[in-house]
Amino acid sequence: MKNSKFVIDKLAKLFEQGLISSKDLASELMTILKSKRDEIVFKMKLTSKDEFEVLSKRVENLEKKIDQLKINKKKKSN
């Protein structure tokens, strides 16, 4: 309940600031969710902070590669 209240408060704050564009809203929402995810993982102490940062970078790189592959696949199918 506490986490959902946090997200709702952040969304309300975004609307107050006038971020109405869907791209702005989507990117801000993803940023909020990623920060909460990072916070939860860090609290669980699964890895050290340094290890976590390295793993986060690796995941980001993999996500970028996946996006590029999807774009290339769409171009080839057209």
Protein backbone atom coordinates (compact mmCIF):
# COMPACT_ATOMS: atom_id res chain seq x y z
CA MET A 1 0.00 0.00 0.00
CA LYS A 2 2.85 2.35 0.84
CA ASN A 3 4.51 1.80 -2.55
CA SER A 4 1.29 2.33 -4.48
CA LYS A 5 0.67 5.55 -2.56
CA PHE A 6 4.18 6.66 -3.50
CA VAL A 7 3.56 6.04 -7.20
CA ILE A 8 0.16 7.75 -7.09
CA ASP A 9 1.67 10.77 -5.36
CA LYS A 10 4.38 10.97 -8.01
CA LEU A 11 1.80 10.77 -10.80
CA ALA A 12 -0.28 13.52 -9.18
CA LYS A 13 2.83 15.67 -8.93
CA LEU A 14 3.51 15.12 -12.65
CA PHE A 15 0.02 16.27 -13.58
CA GLU A 16 0.42 19.33 -11.40
CA GLN A 17 3.64 20.22 -13.17
CA GLY A 18 1.89 20.04 -16.51
CA LEU A 19 3.67 17.06 -18.04
CA ILE A 20 0.76 16.08 -20.23
CA SER A 21 2.65 14.74 -23.20
CA SER A 22 2.35 10.97 -23.33
CA LYS A 23 6.07 10.55 -24.04
CA ASP A 24 7.02 12.73 -21.09
CA LEU A 25 4.57 10.93 -18.84
CA ALA A 26 5.74 7.48 -19.96
CA SER A 27 9.42 8.30 -19.54
CA GLU A 28 8.83 9.86 -16.12
CA LEU A 29 6.77 6.86 -15.01
CA MET A 30 9.52 4.48 -16.14
CA THR A 31 12.08 6.54 -14.24
CA ILE A 32 9.98 6.38 -11.07
CA LEU A 33 9.45 2.65 -11.37
CA LYS A 34 13.13 1.96 -12.08
CA SER A 35 14.19 3.98 -9.07
CA LYS A 36 11.75 2.08 -6.84
CA ARG A 37 13.01 -1.21 -8.26
CA ASP A 38 16.60 -0.19 -7.58
CA GLU A 39 15.69 0.88 -4.06
CA ILE A 40 13.97 -2.43 -3.31
CA VAL A 41 16.83 -4.51 -4.67
CA PHE A 42 19.36 -2.44 -2.75
CA LYS A 43 17.36 -2.85 0.49
CA MET A 44 17.31 -6.61 0.00
CA LYS A 45 21.13 -6.48 -0.02
CA LEU A 46 21.36 -9.06 -2.76
CA THR A 47 24.51 -7.45 -4.10
CA SER A 48 26.90 -4.73 -3.09
CA LYS A 49 26.30 -1.25 -4.47
CA ASP A 50 29.23 -1.56 -6.90
CA GLU A 51 28.05 -4.93 -8.18
CA PHE A 52 24.53 -3.59 -8.51
CA GLU A 53 25.68 -0.64 -10.61
CA VAL A 54 27.68 -2.92 -12.90
CA LEU A 55 24.73 -5.27 -13.29
CA SER A 56 22.38 -2.35 -13.94
CA LYS A 57 24.64 -1.10 -16.73
CA ARG A 58 24.77 -4.58 -18.26
CA VAL A 59 20.98 -4.83 -18.19
CA GLU A 60 20.65 -1.37 -19.77
CA ASN A 61 23.05 -2.38 -22.55
CA LEU A 62 21.11 -5.59 -23.16
CA GLU A 63 17.82 -3.66 -23.29
CA LYS A 64 19.31 -1.29 -25.87
CA LYS A 65 20.51 -4.23 -27.97
CA ILE A 66 17.07 -5.83 -27.81
CA ASP A 67 15.46 -2.58 -28.94
CA GLN A 68 17.93 -2.32 -31.83
CA LEU A 69 17.23 -5.90 -32.87
CA LYS A 70 13.48 -5.21 -32.83
CA ILE A 71 13.97 -2.15 -35.03
CA ASN A 72 16.18 -4.11 -37.44
CA LYS A 73 13.64 -6.92 -37.58
CA LYS A 74 10.85 -4.47 -38.44
CA LYS A 75 12.98 -2.93 -41.20
CA LYS A 76 13.76 -6.34 -42.69
CA SER A 77 10.13 -7.47 -42.62
CA ASN A 78 8.97 -4.34 -44.46
